[in-house]
Amino acid sequence: MISTSTRLLRLVSLLSTRSTWTCRELSERMAATDRTVRRDIARLRELGWPTQGADSYD
């Protein structure tokens, strides 16, 4: 199992490569569930990382 900090770093790296991602794309790249990706994005926001999202269904 990958640690939360490792996942967050991977997520930041992916988010830095392009401006638009779907949750499904991120979860596939990270080998994580959609729920985990959403939780990790929420954590990044809490830490002050600027993220922008749209409510949509993948």
PDB file of N, CA and C in Angstrom:
ATOM      1  N   MET A   1       0.833  -1.172   0.000  1.00  0.00           N
ATOM      2  CA  MET A   1       0.000   0.000   0.000  1.00  0.00           C
ATOM      3  C   MET A   1       0.885   1.246   0.000  1.00  0.00           C
ATOM      4  N   ILE A   2       0.530   2.220  -0.812  1.00  0.00           N
ATOM      5  CA  ILE A   2       1.298   3.451  -0.935  1.00  0.00           C
ATOM      6  C   ILE A   2       0.890   4.412   0.182  1.00  0.00           C
ATOM      7  N   SER A   3       1.869   5.089   0.756  1.00  0.00           N
ATOM      8  CA  SER A   3       1.564   6.026   1.839  1.00  0.00           C
ATOM      9  C   SER A   3       0.823   7.253   1.298  1.00  0.00           C
ATOM     10  N   THR A   4       0.117   7.916   2.182  1.00  0.00           N
ATOM     11  CA  THR A   4      -0.632   9.110   1.797  1.00  0.00           C
ATOM     12  C   THR A   4       0.299  10.179   1.235  1.00  0.00           C
ATOM     13  N   SER A   5       1.423  10.400   1.872  1.00  0.00           N
ATOM     14  CA  SER A   5       2.341  11.442   1.400  1.00  0.00           C
ATOM     15  C   SER A   5       2.879  11.121   0.009  1.00  0.00           C
ATOM     16  N   THR A   6       3.156   9.860  -0.259  1.00  0.00           N
ATOM     17  CA  THR A   6       3.617   9.457  -1.590  1.00  0.00           C
ATOM     18  C   THR A   6       2.525   9.696  -2.623  1.00  0.00           C
ATOM     19  N   ARG A   7       1.293   9.356  -2.271  1.00  0.00           N
ATOM     20  CA  ARG A   7       0.159   9.573  -3.176  1.00  0.00           C
ATOM     21  C   ARG A   7      -0.045  11.055  -3.456  1.00  0.00           C
ATOM     22  N   LEU A   8       0.053  11.882  -2.413  1.00  0.00           N
ATOM     23  CA  LEU A   8      -0.130  13.321  -2.583  1.00  0.00           C
ATOM     24  C   LEU A   8       0.949  13.911  -3.488  1.00  0.00           C
ATOM     25  N   LEU A   9       2.175  13.474  -3.317  1.00  0.00           N
ATOM     26  CA  LEU A   9       3.259  13.945  -4.184  1.00  0.00           C
ATOM     27  C   LEU A   9       3.030  13.524  -5.628  1.00  0.00           C
ATOM     28  N   ARG A  10       2.585  12.308  -5.823  1.00  0.00           N
ATOM     29  CA  ARG A  10       2.274  11.822  -7.172  1.00  0.00           C
ATOM     30  C   ARG A  10       1.130  12.635  -7.775  1.00  0.00           C
ATOM     31  N   LEU A  11       0.130  12.937  -6.976  1.00  0.00           N
ATOM     32  CA  LEU A  11      -1.008  13.722  -7.444  1.00  0.00           C
ATOM     33  C   LEU A  11      -0.569  15.132  -7.843  1.00  0.00           C
ATOM     34  N   VAL A  12       0.249  15.773  -7.024  1.00  0.00           N
ATOM     35  CA  VAL A  12       0.768  17.102  -7.352  1.00  0.00           C
ATOM     36  C   VAL A  12       1.547  17.045  -8.662  1.00  0.00           C
ATOM     37  N   SER A  13       2.351  16.023  -8.815  1.00  0.00           N
ATOM     38  CA  SER A  13       3.124  15.855 -10.045  1.00  0.00           C
ATOM     39  C   SER A  13       2.209  15.737 -11.260  1.00  0.00           C
ATOM     40  N   LEU A  14       1.180  14.914 -11.155  1.00  0.00           N
ATOM     41  CA  LEU A  14       0.243  14.754 -12.269  1.00  0.00           C
ATOM     42  C   LEU A  14      -0.506  16.051 -12.558  1.00  0.00           C
ATOM     43  N   LEU A  15      -0.997  16.713 -11.520  1.00  0.00           N
ATOM     44  CA  LEU A  15      -1.756  17.949 -11.710  1.00  0.00           C
ATOM     45  C   LEU A  15      -0.911  19.044 -12.352  1.00  0.00           C
ATOM     46  N   SER A  16       0.400  18.967 -12.165  1.00  0.00           N
ATOM     47  CA  SER A  16       1.300  19.966 -12.735  1.00  0.00           C
ATOM     48  C   SER A  16       1.553  19.758 -14.225  1.00  0.00           C
ATOM     49  N   THR A  17       1.210  18.588 -14.744  1.00  0.00           N
ATOM     50  CA  THR A  17       1.530  18.289 -16.139  1.00  0.00           C
ATOM     51  C   THR A  17       0.503  18.800 -17.134  1.00  0.00           C
ATOM     52  N   ARG A  18      -0.720  18.986 -16.693  1.00  0.00           N
ATOM     53  CA  ARG A  18      -1.749  19.554 -17.573  1.00  0.00           C
ATOM     54  C   ARG A  18      -2.845  20.184 -16.730  1.00  0.00           C
ATOM     55  N   SER A  19      -3.653  21.027 -17.368  1.00  0.00           N
ATOM     56  CA  SER A  19      -4.610  21.816 -16.588  1.00  0.00           C
ATOM     57  C   SER A  19      -5.930  21.112 -16.300  1.00  0.00           C
ATOM     58  N   THR A  20      -6.285  20.113 -17.069  1.00  0.00           N
ATOM     59  CA  THR A  20      -7.575  19.458 -16.878  1.00  0.00           C
ATOM     60  C   THR A  20      -7.420  17.948 -16.783  1.00  0.00           C
ATOM     61  N   TRP A  21      -7.985  17.407 -15.724  1.00  0.00           N
ATOM     62  CA  TRP A  21      -8.007  15.959 -15.508  1.00  0.00           C
ATOM     63  C   TRP A  21      -9.401  15.573 -15.044  1.00  0.00           C
ATOM     64  N   THR A  22      -9.827  14.384 -15.390  1.00  0.00           N
ATOM     65  CA  THR A  22     -11.028  13.843 -14.757  1.00  0.00           C
ATOM     66  C   THR A  22     -10.580  13.008 -13.567  1.00  0.00           C
ATOM     67  N   CYS A  23     -11.494  12.796 -12.666  1.00  0.00           N
ATOM     68  CA  CYS A  23     -11.180  11.954 -11.514  1.00  0.00           C
ATOM     69  C   CYS A  23     -10.807  10.548 -11.976  1.00  0.00           C
ATOM     70  N   ARG A  24     -11.505  10.059 -12.948  1.00  0.00           N
ATOM     71  CA  ARG A  24     -11.234   8.717 -13.471  1.00  0.00           C
ATOM     72  C   ARG A  24      -9.815   8.622 -14.043  1.00  0.00           C
ATOM     73  N   GLU A  25      -9.394   9.635 -14.794  1.00  0.00           N
ATOM     74  CA  GLU A  25      -8.036   9.631 -15.350  1.00  0.00           C
ATOM     75  C   GLU A  25      -6.996   9.610 -14.238  1.00  0.00           C
ATOM     76  N   LEU A  26      -7.206  10.444 -13.233  1.00  0.00           N
ATOM     77  CA  LEU A  26      -6.262  10.477 -12.117  1.00  0.00           C
ATOM     78  C   LEU A  26      -6.241   9.155 -11.367  1.00  0.00           C
ATOM     79  N   SER A  27      -7.400   8.590 -11.132  1.00  0.00           N
ATOM     80  CA  SER A  27      -7.445   7.327 -10.387  1.00  0.00           C
ATOM     81  C   SER A  27      -6.770   6.205 -11.169  1.00  0.00           C
ATOM     82  N   GLU A  28      -6.920   6.202 -12.483  1.00  0.00           N
ATOM     83  CA  GLU A  28      -6.243   5.187 -13.295  1.00  0.00           C
ATOM     84  C   GLU A  28      -4.733   5.371 -13.249  1.00  0.00           C
ATOM     85  N   ARG A  29      -4.271   6.605 -13.379  1.00  0.00           N
ATOM     86  CA  ARG A  29      -2.832   6.882 -13.341  1.00  0.00           C
ATOM     87  C   ARG A  29      -2.219   6.555 -11.988  1.00  0.00           C
ATOM     88  N   MET A  30      -2.990   6.778 -10.926  1.00  0.00           N
ATOM     89  CA  MET A  30      -2.470   6.577  -9.582  1.00  0.00           C
ATOM     90  C   MET A  30      -2.770   5.192  -9.024  1.00  0.00           C
ATOM     91  N   ALA A  31      -3.514   4.392  -9.775  1.00  0.00           N
ATOM     92  CA  ALA A  31      -3.921   3.061  -9.304  1.00  0.00           C
ATOM     93  C   ALA A  31      -4.630   3.169  -7.949  1.00  0.00           C
ATOM     94  N   ALA A  32      -5.559   4.111  -7.886  1.00  0.00           N
ATOM     95  CA  ALA A  32      -6.332   4.344  -6.667  1.00  0.00           C
ATOM     96  C   ALA A  32      -7.804   4.468  -7.048  1.00  0.00           C
ATOM     97  N   THR A  33      -8.661   4.403  -6.057  1.00  0.00           N
ATOM     98  CA  THR A  33     -10.089   4.556  -6.328  1.00  0.00           C
ATOM     99  C   THR A  33     -10.421   6.036  -6.543  1.00  0.00           C
ATOM    100  N   ASP A  34     -11.561   6.286  -7.183  1.00  0.00           N
ATOM    101  CA  ASP A  34     -12.027   7.664  -7.353  1.00  0.00           C
ATOM    102  C   ASP A  34     -12.169   8.341  -5.991  1.00  0.00           C
ATOM    103  N   ARG A  35     -12.686   7.612  -5.035  1.00  0.00           N
ATOM    104  CA  ARG A  35     -12.892   8.148  -3.681  1.00  0.00           C
ATOM    105  C   ARG A  35     -11.568   8.593  -3.060  1.00  0.00           C
ATOM    106  N   THR A  36     -10.527   7.784  -3.234  1.00  0.00           N
ATOM    107  CA  THR A  36      -9.211   8.131  -2.695  1.00  0.00           C
ATOM    108  C   THR A  36      -8.675   9.389  -3.360  1.00  0.00           C
ATOM    109  N   VAL A  37      -8.831   9.495  -4.672  1.00  0.00           N
ATOM    110  CA  VAL A  37      -8.364  10.682  -5.393  1.00  0.00           C
ATOM    111  C   VAL A  37      -9.108  11.921  -4.905  1.00  0.00           C
ATOM    112  N   ARG A  38     -10.409  11.819  -4.746  1.00  0.00           N
ATOM    113  CA  ARG A  38     -11.191  12.964  -4.258  1.00  0.00           C
ATOM    114  C   ARG A  38     -10.759  13.367  -2.845  1.00  0.00           C
ATOM    115  N   ARG A  39     -10.503  12.387  -2.018  1.00  0.00           N
ATOM    116  CA  ARG A  39     -10.048  12.653  -0.645  1.00  0.00           C
ATOM    117  C   ARG A  39      -8.662  13.317  -0.668  1.00  0.00           C
ATOM    118  N   ASP A  40      -7.787  12.831  -1.545  1.00  0.00           N
ATOM    119  CA  ASP A  40      -6.446  13.408  -1.646  1.00  0.00           C
ATOM    120  C   ASP A  40      -6.495  14.839  -2.179  1.00  0.00           C
ATOM    121  N   ILE A  41      -7.376  15.115  -3.130  1.00  0.00           N
ATOM    122  CA  ILE A  41      -7.526  16.480  -3.636  1.00  0.00           C
ATOM    123  C   ILE A  41      -8.036  17.389  -2.520  1.00  0.00           C
ATOM    124  N   ALA A  42      -8.966  16.907  -1.729  1.00  0.00           N
ATOM    125  CA  ALA A  42      -9.463  17.686  -0.588  1.00  0.00           C
ATOM    126  C   ALA A  42      -8.323  17.986   0.384  1.00  0.00           C
ATOM    127  N   ARG A  43      -7.471  17.012   0.608  1.00  0.00           N
ATOM    128  CA  ARG A  43      -6.325  17.204   1.510  1.00  0.00           C
ATOM    129  C   ARG A  43      -5.370  18.254   0.954  1.00  0.00           C
ATOM    130  N   LEU A  44      -5.108  18.212  -0.364  1.00  0.00           N
ATOM    131  CA  LEU A  44      -4.245  19.222  -0.975  1.00  0.00           C
ATOM    132  C   LEU A  44      -4.836  20.619  -0.802  1.00  0.00           C
ATOM    133  N   ARG A  45      -6.137  20.729  -0.953  1.00  0.00           N
ATOM    134  CA  ARG A  45      -6.802  22.026  -0.760  1.00  0.00           C
ATOM    135  C   ARG A  45      -6.628  22.512   0.676  1.00  0.00           C
ATOM    136  N   GLU A  46      -6.768  21.612   1.637  1.00  0.00           N
ATOM    137  CA  GLU A  46      -6.568  21.965   3.049  1.00  0.00           C
ATOM    138  C   GLU A  46      -5.154  22.475   3.293  1.00  0.00           C
ATOM    139  N   LEU A  47      -4.200  21.923   2.555  1.00  0.00           N
ATOM    140  CA  LEU A  47      -2.800  22.311   2.702  1.00  0.00           C
ATOM    141  C   LEU A  47      -2.459  23.578   1.918  1.00  0.00           C
ATOM    142  N   GLY A  48      -3.452  24.125   1.196  1.00  0.00           N
ATOM    143  CA  GLY A  48      -3.234  25.372   0.475  1.00  0.00           C
ATOM    144  C   GLY A  48      -2.861  25.219  -0.986  1.00  0.00           C
ATOM    145  N   TRP A  49      -2.872  23.991  -1.483  1.00  0.00           N
ATOM    146  CA  TRP A  49      -2.551  23.775  -2.894  1.00  0.00           C
ATOM    147  C   TRP A  49      -3.719  24.278  -3.737  1.00  0.00           C
ATOM    148  N   PRO A  50      -3.440  25.167  -4.715  1.00  0.00           N
ATOM    149  CA  PRO A  50      -4.537  25.721  -5.519  1.00  0.00           C
ATOM    150  C   PRO A  50      -5.087  24.702  -6.520  1.00  0.00           C
ATOM    151  N   THR A  51      -6.282  24.254  -6.273  1.00  0.00           N
ATOM    152  CA  THR A  51      -6.941  23.341  -7.206  1.00  0.00           C
ATOM    153  C   THR A  51      -8.300  23.919  -7.556  1.00  0.00           C
ATOM    154  N   GLN A  52      -8.739  23.582  -8.716  1.00  0.00           N
ATOM    155  CA  GLN A  52     -10.039  24.037  -9.177  1.00  0.00           C
ATOM    156  C   GLN A  52     -10.751  22.819  -9.722  1.00  0.00           C
ATOM    157  N   GLY A  53     -12.011  22.702  -9.464  1.00  0.00           N
ATOM    158  CA  GLY A  53     -12.727  21.530  -9.939  1.00  0.00           C
ATOM    159  C   GLY A  53     -14.144  21.859 -10.334  1.00  0.00           C
ATOM    160  N   ALA A  54     -14.704  20.935 -11.049  1.00  0.00           N
ATOM    161  CA  ALA A  54     -16.099  21.064 -11.462  1.00  0.00           C
ATOM    162  C   ALA A  54     -16.849  19.842 -10.978  1.00  0.00           C
ATOM    163  N   ASP A  55     -18.051  20.052 -10.522  1.00  0.00           N
ATOM    164  CA  ASP A  55     -18.879  18.919 -10.135  1.00  0.00           C
ATOM    165  C   ASP A  55     -19.393  18.264 -11.405  1.00  0.00           C
ATOM    166  N   SER A  56     -18.950  17.061 -11.635  1.00  0.00           N
ATOM    167  CA  SER A  56     -19.403  16.336 -12.826  1.00  0.00           C
ATOM    168  C   SER A  56     -19.286  14.849 -12.570  1.00  0.00           C
ATOM    169  N   TYR A  57     -19.880  14.106 -13.428  1.00  0.00           N
ATOM    170  CA  TYR A  57     -19.795  12.659 -13.348  1.00  0.00           C
ATOM    171  C   TYR A  57     -18.923  12.182 -14.482  1.00  0.00           C
ATOM    172  N   ASP A  58     -17.893  11.412 -14.146  1.00  0.00           N
ATOM    173  CA  ASP A  58     -16.951  10.922 -15.164  1.00  0.00           C
ATOM    174  C   ASP A  58     -17.609   9.926 -16.044  1.00  0.00           C
TER     175      ASP A  58
END
